[in-house]
Amino acid sequence: MMTLALTSLLSLSSPAQAEEIDVIALLDKTDDMSRGSSSHAVMVMSVKTERYERTVKMETWSQGTEKSLVVILEPQKEKGVATLMVDDNIWNYLPKVDRTMKVPAAMMSGAWMGSHVTNDDLVKGSRMSEDYTFTLDDQPVDGQGRYLITLIPKPDAPVVWGKVTVELSPDELPTRMEFFEEDGTLVRVMKYEDVQEIGGKKMPMVFVVEPADKPGEFTRMEYSELQFDVDIPDSKFSLQALKN
């Protein structure tokens, strides 16, 4: 759900240059930045809601957009809890009862690990450049030289949002995305922070999801380790691997 990056294209410093920008390339790089052919990472997820706060440390492996495995490292009481995603399918493993459960379609909109990220976000396979029509606003946002891409879903696109906006910094990195219902109601905001160079490309190492209707609540994900294009055996993305 959460994969953003951009290449070095043209400067966004003037309206005339904005007309030359390859918006499709921007959107594709935004979709693909943190994917790579494969990846291995350690990250910390902090969740704050009206009812509770929790912090979870996890290790993740992925191959493209089709396969990923997440294993909880901390806290101790949840150590070993794992989520496997293959294509559009999700399984959860609970080590205390040694049970593997497939997430049914009816629960895809439910929260993942008590966060503001849904199960459906984890298996999101849409591409912005293919599923949305788009316009690039050539006026700076808030006078800071930032630019905005507005996305409207195509009639038959398999997406849940009525509109999405992507804000870009002057150095062509995404800083903020907003997700709207079909009636124009803002549902959630995603912010991107702490840009670092990983594997020869710049990307944000922190992602923050904030629900629009619940001020003060958020889910914050921060990478502490991240590697791209690592050798991961196919057996890593099996039901058996959930238990190891």
C-alpha atoms as a PDB file:
ATOM      1  CA  MET A   1       0.000   0.000   0.000  1.00  0.00           C
ATOM      2  CA  MET A   2       2.491   2.191   0.737  1.00  0.00           C
ATOM      3  CA  THR A   3       5.318   2.246  -2.237  1.00  0.00           C
ATOM      4  CA  LEU A   4       6.645   5.541  -3.416  1.00  0.00           C
ATOM      5  CA  ALA A   5       9.588   6.924  -5.424  1.00  0.00           C
ATOM      6  CA  LEU A   6      10.464   9.059  -8.403  1.00  0.00           C
ATOM      7  CA  THR A   7      13.317   9.247 -10.907  1.00  0.00           C
ATOM      8  CA  SER A   8      15.301  12.300 -11.848  1.00  0.00           C
ATOM      9  CA  LEU A   9      13.294  13.759 -14.712  1.00  0.00           C
ATOM     10  CA  LEU A  10      12.951  17.494 -15.375  1.00  0.00           C
ATOM     11  CA  SER A  11      12.985  20.298 -12.837  1.00  0.00           C
ATOM     12  CA  LEU A  12       9.570  21.290 -11.482  1.00  0.00           C
ATOM     13  CA  SER A  13      10.580  24.902 -11.022  1.00  0.00           C
ATOM     14  CA  SER A  14       8.342  26.540 -13.608  1.00  0.00           C
ATOM     15  CA  PRO A  15       4.947  26.069 -15.317  1.00  0.00           C
ATOM     16  CA  ALA A  16       6.604  25.817 -18.724  1.00  0.00           C
ATOM     17  CA  GLN A  17       8.719  22.895 -17.569  1.00  0.00           C
ATOM     18  CA  ALA A  18       5.709  21.192 -15.978  1.00  0.00           C
ATOM     19  CA  GLU A  19       4.244  20.666 -19.445  1.00  0.00           C
ATOM     20  CA  GLU A  20       7.293  18.592 -20.372  1.00  0.00           C
ATOM     21  CA  ILE A  21       7.149  16.268 -17.397  1.00  0.00           C
ATOM     22  CA  ASP A  22       6.404  12.611 -18.153  1.00  0.00           C
ATOM     23  CA  VAL A  23       3.636  12.125 -15.593  1.00  0.00           C
ATOM     24  CA  ILE A  24       3.244   8.425 -16.466  1.00  0.00           C
ATOM     25  CA  ALA A  25       6.911   7.868 -15.627  1.00  0.00           C
ATOM     26  CA  LEU A  26       6.453   9.738 -12.362  1.00  0.00           C
ATOM     27  CA  LEU A  27       3.473   7.601 -11.363  1.00  0.00           C
ATOM     28  CA  ASP A  28       5.150   4.330 -12.373  1.00  0.00           C
ATOM     29  CA  LYS A  29       8.256   5.163 -10.383  1.00  0.00           C
ATOM     30  CA  THR A  30       6.058   6.139  -7.466  1.00  0.00           C
ATOM     31  CA  ASP A  31       4.373   2.726  -7.603  1.00  0.00           C
ATOM     32  CA  ASP A  32       7.617   0.790  -8.024  1.00  0.00           C
ATOM     33  CA  MET A  33      10.120   2.559  -5.813  1.00  0.00           C
ATOM     34  CA  SER A  34      10.126   0.351  -2.734  1.00  0.00           C
ATOM     35  CA  ARG A  35       9.309  -2.819  -4.632  1.00  0.00           C
ATOM     36  CA  GLY A  36      12.352  -3.764  -6.684  1.00  0.00           C
ATOM     37  CA  SER A  37      12.645  -7.306  -7.977  1.00  0.00           C
ATOM     38  CA  SER A  38      12.955  -8.405  -4.346  1.00  0.00           C
ATOM     39  CA  SER A  39      13.573  -6.843  -0.956  1.00  0.00           C
ATOM     40  CA  HIS A  40      14.406  -7.615   2.661  1.00  0.00           C
ATOM     41  CA  ALA A  41      13.686  -5.168   5.478  1.00  0.00           C
ATOM     42  CA  VAL A  42      13.338  -4.657   9.202  1.00  0.00           C
ATOM     43  CA  MET A  43      10.841  -2.002  10.244  1.00  0.00           C
ATOM     44  CA  VAL A  44       8.991  -0.641  13.251  1.00  0.00           C
ATOM     45  CA  MET A  45       5.253   0.068  13.127  1.00  0.00           C
ATOM     46  CA  SER A  46       3.807   2.450  15.720  1.00  0.00           C
ATOM     47  CA  VAL A  47       0.019   2.682  16.017  1.00  0.00           C
ATOM     48  CA  LYS A  48      -1.960   5.223  17.977  1.00  0.00           C
ATOM     49  CA  THR A  49      -5.754   5.114  18.244  1.00  0.00           C
ATOM     50  CA  GLU A  50      -8.283   6.546  20.666  1.00  0.00           C
ATOM     51  CA  ARG A  51      -8.279   3.257  22.578  1.00  0.00           C
ATOM     52  CA  TYR A  52      -4.652   2.093  22.534  1.00  0.00           C
ATOM     53  CA  GLU A  53      -1.041   2.587  21.439  1.00  0.00           C
ATOM     54  CA  ARG A  54       1.252  -0.195  20.301  1.00  0.00           C
ATOM     55  CA  THR A  55       4.664  -0.662  18.705  1.00  0.00           C
ATOM     56  CA  VAL A  56       5.615  -3.693  16.645  1.00  0.00           C
ATOM     57  CA  LYS A  57       8.999  -4.592  15.169  1.00  0.00           C
ATOM     58  CA  MET A  58       8.845  -6.812  12.098  1.00  0.00           C
ATOM     59  CA  GLU A  59      10.977  -8.422   9.400  1.00  0.00           C
ATOM     60  CA  THR A  60       9.742  -8.547   5.807  1.00  0.00           C
ATOM     61  CA  TRP A  61      10.660 -10.260   2.544  1.00  0.00           C
ATOM     62  CA  SER A  62       9.135  -9.610  -0.882  1.00  0.00           C
ATOM     63  CA  GLN A  63       9.338 -10.622  -4.544  1.00  0.00           C
ATOM     64  CA  GLY A  64       7.891  -8.015  -6.885  1.00  0.00           C
ATOM     65  CA  THR A  65       4.260  -7.203  -6.120  1.00  0.00           C
ATOM     66  CA  GLU A  66       3.032 -10.796  -5.974  1.00  0.00           C
ATOM     67  CA  LYS A  67       4.700 -12.258  -2.891  1.00  0.00           C
ATOM     68  CA  SER A  68       5.602 -11.010   0.569  1.00  0.00           C
ATOM     69  CA  LEU A  69       6.093 -12.353   4.072  1.00  0.00           C
ATOM     70  CA  VAL A  70       5.935 -10.360   7.321  1.00  0.00           C
ATOM     71  CA  VAL A  71       7.080 -11.857  10.647  1.00  0.00           C
ATOM     72  CA  ILE A  72       6.705 -10.103  14.008  1.00  0.00           C
ATOM     73  CA  LEU A  73       9.934  -9.870  16.046  1.00  0.00           C
ATOM     74  CA  GLU A  74       8.708  -7.779  18.985  1.00  0.00           C
ATOM     75  CA  PRO A  75       6.932  -7.556  21.387  1.00  0.00           C
ATOM     76  CA  GLN A  76       7.673 -10.977  22.815  1.00  0.00           C
ATOM     77  CA  LYS A  77       4.005 -11.872  23.282  1.00  0.00           C
ATOM     78  CA  GLU A  78       3.445 -11.529  19.533  1.00  0.00           C
ATOM     79  CA  LYS A  79       6.797 -12.878  18.337  1.00  0.00           C
ATOM     80  CA  GLY A  80       6.351 -15.284  15.431  1.00  0.00           C
ATOM     81  CA  VAL A  81       2.975 -13.983  14.309  1.00  0.00           C
ATOM     82  CA  ALA A  82       3.249 -13.886  10.520  1.00  0.00           C
ATOM     83  CA  THR A  83       1.375 -12.749   7.428  1.00  0.00           C
ATOM     84  CA  LEU A  84       1.916 -14.283   3.991  1.00  0.00           C
ATOM     85  CA  MET A  85       0.665 -12.584   0.822  1.00  0.00           C
ATOM     86  CA  VAL A  86       0.657 -14.381  -2.530  1.00  0.00           C
ATOM     87  CA  ASP A  87      -1.167 -12.667  -5.395  1.00  0.00           C
ATOM     88  CA  ASP A  88      -4.579 -11.672  -3.957  1.00  0.00           C
ATOM     89  CA  ASN A  89      -4.465 -14.128  -1.051  1.00  0.00           C
ATOM     90  CA  ILE A  90      -3.483 -13.497   2.584  1.00  0.00           C
ATOM     91  CA  TRP A  91      -2.803 -15.990   5.381  1.00  0.00           C
ATOM     92  CA  ASN A  92      -2.074 -15.250   9.039  1.00  0.00           C
ATOM     93  CA  TYR A  93      -0.168 -17.580  11.340  1.00  0.00           C
ATOM     94  CA  LEU A  94      -0.670 -17.537  15.132  1.00  0.00           C
ATOM     95  CA  PRO A  95       2.164 -19.438  16.867  1.00  0.00           C
ATOM     96  CA  LYS A  96       0.476 -19.644  20.290  1.00  0.00           C
ATOM     97  CA  VAL A  97      -2.205 -21.917  18.857  1.00  0.00           C
ATOM     98  CA  ASP A  98      -0.091 -23.140  15.911  1.00  0.00           C
ATOM     99  CA  ARG A  99      -2.845 -22.173  13.494  1.00  0.00           C
ATOM    100  CA  THR A 100      -2.776 -20.806   9.934  1.00  0.00           C
ATOM    101  CA  MET A 101      -5.853 -18.930   8.762  1.00  0.00           C
ATOM    102  CA  LYS A 102      -6.697 -17.566   5.333  1.00  0.00           C
ATOM    103  CA  VAL A 103      -8.207 -14.067   5.397  1.00  0.00           C
ATOM    104  CA  PRO A 104     -11.682 -14.291   3.773  1.00  0.00           C
ATOM    105  CA  ALA A 105     -12.830 -11.754   1.191  1.00  0.00           C
ATOM    106  CA  ALA A 106     -15.282 -10.252   3.702  1.00  0.00           C
ATOM    107  CA  MET A 107     -12.386  -9.259   5.976  1.00  0.00           C
ATOM    108  CA  MET A 108     -10.155  -7.650   3.346  1.00  0.00           C
ATOM    109  CA  SER A 109     -11.241  -4.174   4.439  1.00  0.00           C
ATOM    110  CA  GLY A 110     -10.358  -4.939   8.056  1.00  0.00           C
ATOM    111  CA  ALA A 111      -7.351  -3.454   9.870  1.00  0.00           C
ATOM    112  CA  TRP A 112      -4.040  -5.302   9.594  1.00  0.00           C
ATOM    113  CA  MET A 113      -2.356  -5.884  12.959  1.00  0.00           C
ATOM    114  CA  GLY A 114      -4.560  -3.251  14.589  1.00  0.00           C
ATOM    115  CA  SER A 115      -3.199  -0.498  12.335  1.00  0.00           C
ATOM    116  CA  HIS A 116      -4.780   1.977   9.927  1.00  0.00           C
ATOM    117  CA  VAL A 117      -3.582  -0.209   7.041  1.00  0.00           C
ATOM    118  CA  THR A 118      -6.120  -2.705   5.697  1.00  0.00           C
ATOM    119  CA  ASN A 119      -5.636  -6.249   4.443  1.00  0.00           C
ATOM    120  CA  ASP A 120      -6.698  -4.988   1.020  1.00  0.00           C
ATOM    121  CA  ASP A 121      -3.895  -2.405   1.060  1.00  0.00           C
ATOM    122  CA  LEU A 122      -1.374  -5.224   1.411  1.00  0.00           C
ATOM    123  CA  VAL A 123      -2.444  -6.958  -1.797  1.00  0.00           C
ATOM    124  CA  LYS A 124      -3.175  -3.779  -3.773  1.00  0.00           C
ATOM    125  CA  GLY A 125      -2.243  -4.529  -7.364  1.00  0.00           C
ATOM    126  CA  SER A 126      -3.487  -1.437  -9.163  1.00  0.00           C
ATOM    127  CA  ARG A 127      -1.184   0.977 -10.968  1.00  0.00           C
ATOM    128  CA  MET A 128      -1.889   4.675 -10.903  1.00  0.00           C
ATOM    129  CA  SER A 129      -0.836   5.292 -14.498  1.00  0.00           C
ATOM    130  CA  GLU A 130      -3.164   2.529 -15.768  1.00  0.00           C
ATOM    131  CA  ASP A 131      -6.198   2.778 -13.470  1.00  0.00           C
ATOM    132  CA  TYR A 132      -6.539   6.563 -13.231  1.00  0.00           C
ATOM    133  CA  THR A 133      -6.697   9.567 -15.502  1.00  0.00           C
ATOM    134  CA  PHE A 134      -4.425  12.317 -14.230  1.00  0.00           C
ATOM    135  CA  THR A 135      -3.659  16.016 -14.368  1.00  0.00           C
ATOM    136  CA  LEU A 136      -0.545  17.858 -13.207  1.00  0.00           C
ATOM    137  CA  ASP A 137      -1.107  21.167 -11.454  1.00  0.00           C
ATOM    138  CA  ASP A 138       1.646  23.513 -12.605  1.00  0.00           C
ATOM    139  CA  GLN A 139       1.160  25.931  -9.709  1.00  0.00           C
ATOM    140  CA  PRO A 140       3.354  25.635  -6.596  1.00  0.00           C
ATOM    141  CA  VAL A 141       1.596  24.242  -3.514  1.00  0.00           C
ATOM    142  CA  ASP A 142       1.715  26.554  -0.493  1.00  0.00           C
ATOM    143  CA  GLY A 143       4.346  28.662  -2.237  1.00  0.00           C
ATOM    144  CA  GLN A 144       6.989  25.982  -1.586  1.00  0.00           C
ATOM    145  CA  GLY A 145       7.632  24.882  -5.150  1.00  0.00           C
ATOM    146  CA  ARG A 146       5.691  21.664  -4.639  1.00  0.00           C
ATOM    147  CA  TYR A 147       3.463  20.274  -7.380  1.00  0.00           C
ATOM    148  CA  LEU A 148       0.330  18.192  -7.364  1.00  0.00           C
ATOM    149  CA  ILE A 149      -0.924  15.280  -9.498  1.00  0.00           C
ATOM    150  CA  THR A 150      -4.683  14.648  -9.283  1.00  0.00           C
ATOM    151  CA  LEU A 151      -5.914  11.142 -10.139  1.00  0.00           C
ATOM    152  CA  ILE A 152      -9.492  10.195 -11.082  1.00  0.00           C
ATOM    153  CA  PRO A 153     -10.280   6.461 -11.506  1.00  0.00           C
ATOM    154  CA  LYS A 154     -11.219   5.147 -14.914  1.00  0.00           C
ATOM    155  CA  PRO A 155     -14.797   3.742 -15.120  1.00  0.00           C
ATOM    156  CA  ASP A 156     -13.829   0.055 -14.943  1.00  0.00           C
ATOM    157  CA  ALA A 157     -10.716   0.362 -12.760  1.00  0.00           C
ATOM    158  CA  PRO A 158     -10.534  -2.073  -9.792  1.00  0.00           C
ATOM    159  CA  VAL A 159      -9.899   0.657  -7.219  1.00  0.00           C
ATOM    160  CA  VAL A 160     -11.793   1.831  -4.144  1.00  0.00           C
ATOM    161  CA  TRP A 161     -10.969   5.552  -4.221  1.00  0.00           C
ATOM    162  CA  GLY A 162     -12.971   8.299  -5.887  1.00  0.00           C
ATOM    163  CA  LYS A 163      -9.909  10.528  -6.159  1.00  0.00           C
ATOM    164  CA  VAL A 164      -6.246  10.472  -5.167  1.00  0.00           C
ATOM    165  CA  THR A 165      -3.805  13.377  -5.028  1.00  0.00           C
ATOM    166  CA  VAL A 166      -0.006  13.039  -5.026  1.00  0.00           C
ATOM    167  CA  GLU A 167       2.156  15.936  -3.845  1.00  0.00           C
ATOM    168  CA  LEU A 168       5.743  16.165  -5.116  1.00  0.00           C
ATOM    169  CA  SER A 169       8.669  18.084  -3.656  1.00  0.00           C
ATOM    170  CA  PRO A 170      10.943  20.255  -5.840  1.00  0.00           C
ATOM    171  CA  ASP A 171      13.439  17.361  -6.053  1.00  0.00           C
ATOM    172  CA  GLU A 172      10.680  15.132  -7.446  1.00  0.00           C
ATOM    173  CA  LEU A 173      10.074  13.010  -4.350  1.00  0.00           C
ATOM    174  CA  PRO A 174       6.547  12.353  -3.056  1.00  0.00           C
ATOM    175  CA  THR A 175       5.760  14.021   0.242  1.00  0.00           C
ATOM    176  CA  ARG A 176       2.023  13.445   0.673  1.00  0.00           C
ATOM    177  CA  MET A 177      -0.916  11.523  -0.776  1.00  0.00           C
ATOM    178  CA  GLU A 178      -4.608  12.072  -0.054  1.00  0.00           C
ATOM    179  CA  PHE A 179      -7.361   9.503  -0.653  1.00  0.00           C
ATOM    180  CA  PHE A 180     -10.992  10.511  -1.214  1.00  0.00           C
ATOM    181  CA  GLU A 181     -14.407   8.827  -1.422  1.00  0.00           C
ATOM    182  CA  GLU A 182     -16.462   9.184  -4.612  1.00  0.00           C
ATOM    183  CA  ASP A 183     -18.390  12.065  -3.019  1.00  0.00           C
ATOM    184  CA  GLY A 184     -15.155  13.972  -2.419  1.00  0.00           C
ATOM    185  CA  THR A 185     -14.823  13.198   1.295  1.00  0.00           C
ATOM    186  CA  LEU A 186     -11.223  12.914   2.440  1.00  0.00           C
ATOM    187  CA  VAL A 187     -10.647   9.447   3.954  1.00  0.00           C
ATOM    188  CA  ARG A 188      -6.972   9.365   4.834  1.00  0.00           C
ATOM    189  CA  VAL A 189      -3.630  11.061   4.344  1.00  0.00           C
ATOM    190  CA  MET A 190      -0.270   9.377   3.799  1.00  0.00           C
ATOM    191  CA  LYS A 191       2.916  11.325   4.528  1.00  0.00           C
ATOM    192  CA  TYR A 192       6.491  10.463   3.526  1.00  0.00           C
ATOM    193  CA  GLU A 193       9.497  11.531   5.584  1.00  0.00           C
ATOM    194  CA  ASP A 194      13.224  10.988   6.210  1.00  0.00           C
ATOM    195  CA  VAL A 195      14.512  10.669   2.639  1.00  0.00           C
ATOM    196  CA  GLN A 196      17.652   8.530   2.336  1.00  0.00           C
ATOM    197  CA  GLU A 197      19.591   6.935  -0.505  1.00  0.00           C
ATOM    198  CA  ILE A 198      19.071   3.178  -0.580  1.00  0.00           C
ATOM    199  CA  GLY A 199      20.518   0.981  -3.295  1.00  0.00           C
ATOM    200  CA  GLY A 200      21.444   3.995  -5.390  1.00  0.00           C
ATOM    201  CA  LYS A 201      18.053   5.703  -5.254  1.00  0.00           C
ATOM    202  CA  LYS A 202      16.429   8.146  -2.891  1.00  0.00           C
ATOM    203  CA  MET A 203      13.319   7.136  -1.009  1.00  0.00           C
ATOM    204  CA  PRO A 204      11.466   8.033   2.199  1.00  0.00           C
ATOM    205  CA  MET A 205      12.226   5.724   5.099  1.00  0.00           C
ATOM    206  CA  VAL A 206       9.143   6.749   7.089  1.00  0.00           C
ATOM    207  CA  PHE A 207       5.489   6.392   6.058  1.00  0.00           C
ATOM    208  CA  VAL A 208       2.669   7.820   8.162  1.00  0.00           C
ATOM    209  CA  VAL A 209      -1.030   7.023   7.596  1.00  0.00           C
ATOM    210  CA  GLU A 210      -3.572   9.341   9.232  1.00  0.00           C
ATOM    211  CA  PRO A 211      -7.361   8.737   9.086  1.00  0.00           C
ATOM    212  CA  ALA A 212      -9.136  11.991   8.222  1.00  0.00           C
ATOM    213  CA  ASP A 213     -12.104  11.348  10.526  1.00  0.00           C
ATOM    214  CA  LYS A 214     -10.002  10.482  13.603  1.00  0.00           C
ATOM    215  CA  PRO A 215      -7.728  13.411  14.500  1.00  0.00           C
ATOM    216  CA  GLY A 216      -4.686  12.388  16.496  1.00  0.00           C
ATOM    217  CA  GLU A 217      -4.704   8.768  15.309  1.00  0.00           C
ATOM    218  CA  PHE A 218      -1.956   7.425  13.042  1.00  0.00           C
ATOM    219  CA  THR A 219       0.082   4.454  11.899  1.00  0.00           C
ATOM    220  CA  ARG A 220       3.804   5.162  11.439  1.00  0.00           C
ATOM    221  CA  MET A 221       6.123   2.738   9.663  1.00  0.00           C
ATOM    222  CA  GLU A 222       9.876   3.283   9.752  1.00  0.00           C
ATOM    223  CA  TYR A 223      12.556   1.188   8.046  1.00  0.00           C
ATOM    224  CA  SER A 224      15.611   0.417  10.176  1.00  0.00           C
ATOM    225  CA  GLU A 225      17.097  -1.896   7.529  1.00  0.00           C
ATOM    226  CA  LEU A 226      16.291  -2.138   3.822  1.00  0.00           C
ATOM    227  CA  GLN A 227      17.914  -4.027   0.945  1.00  0.00           C
ATOM    228  CA  PHE A 228      16.773  -4.375  -2.657  1.00  0.00           C
ATOM    229  CA  ASP A 229      17.348  -7.133  -5.230  1.00  0.00           C
ATOM    230  CA  VAL A 230      18.326  -9.769  -2.693  1.00  0.00           C
ATOM    231  CA  ASP A 231      18.294 -13.502  -3.368  1.00  0.00           C
ATOM    232  CA  ILE A 232      15.189 -14.999  -1.741  1.00  0.00           C
ATOM    233  CA  PRO A 233      14.143 -18.617  -2.420  1.00  0.00           C
ATOM    234  CA  ASP A 234      10.570 -19.247  -3.551  1.00  0.00           C
ATOM    235  CA  SER A 235      10.101 -21.505  -0.527  1.00  0.00           C
ATOM    236  CA  LYS A 236      10.169 -18.376   1.641  1.00  0.00           C
ATOM    237  CA  PHE A 237       6.666 -17.571   0.395  1.00  0.00           C
ATOM    238  CA  SER A 238       4.981 -20.809   1.354  1.00  0.00           C
ATOM    239  CA  LEU A 239       2.536 -21.763   4.098  1.00  0.00           C
ATOM    240  CA  GLN A 240       5.298 -23.813   5.710  1.00  0.00           C
ATOM    241  CA  ALA A 241       7.515 -20.732   5.891  1.00  0.00           C
ATOM    242  CA  LEU A 242       4.898 -19.036   8.067  1.00  0.00           C
ATOM    243  CA  LYS A 243       5.866 -21.350  10.906  1.00  0.00           C
ATOM    244  CA  ASN A 244       9.641 -20.897  10.651  1.00  0.00           C
END
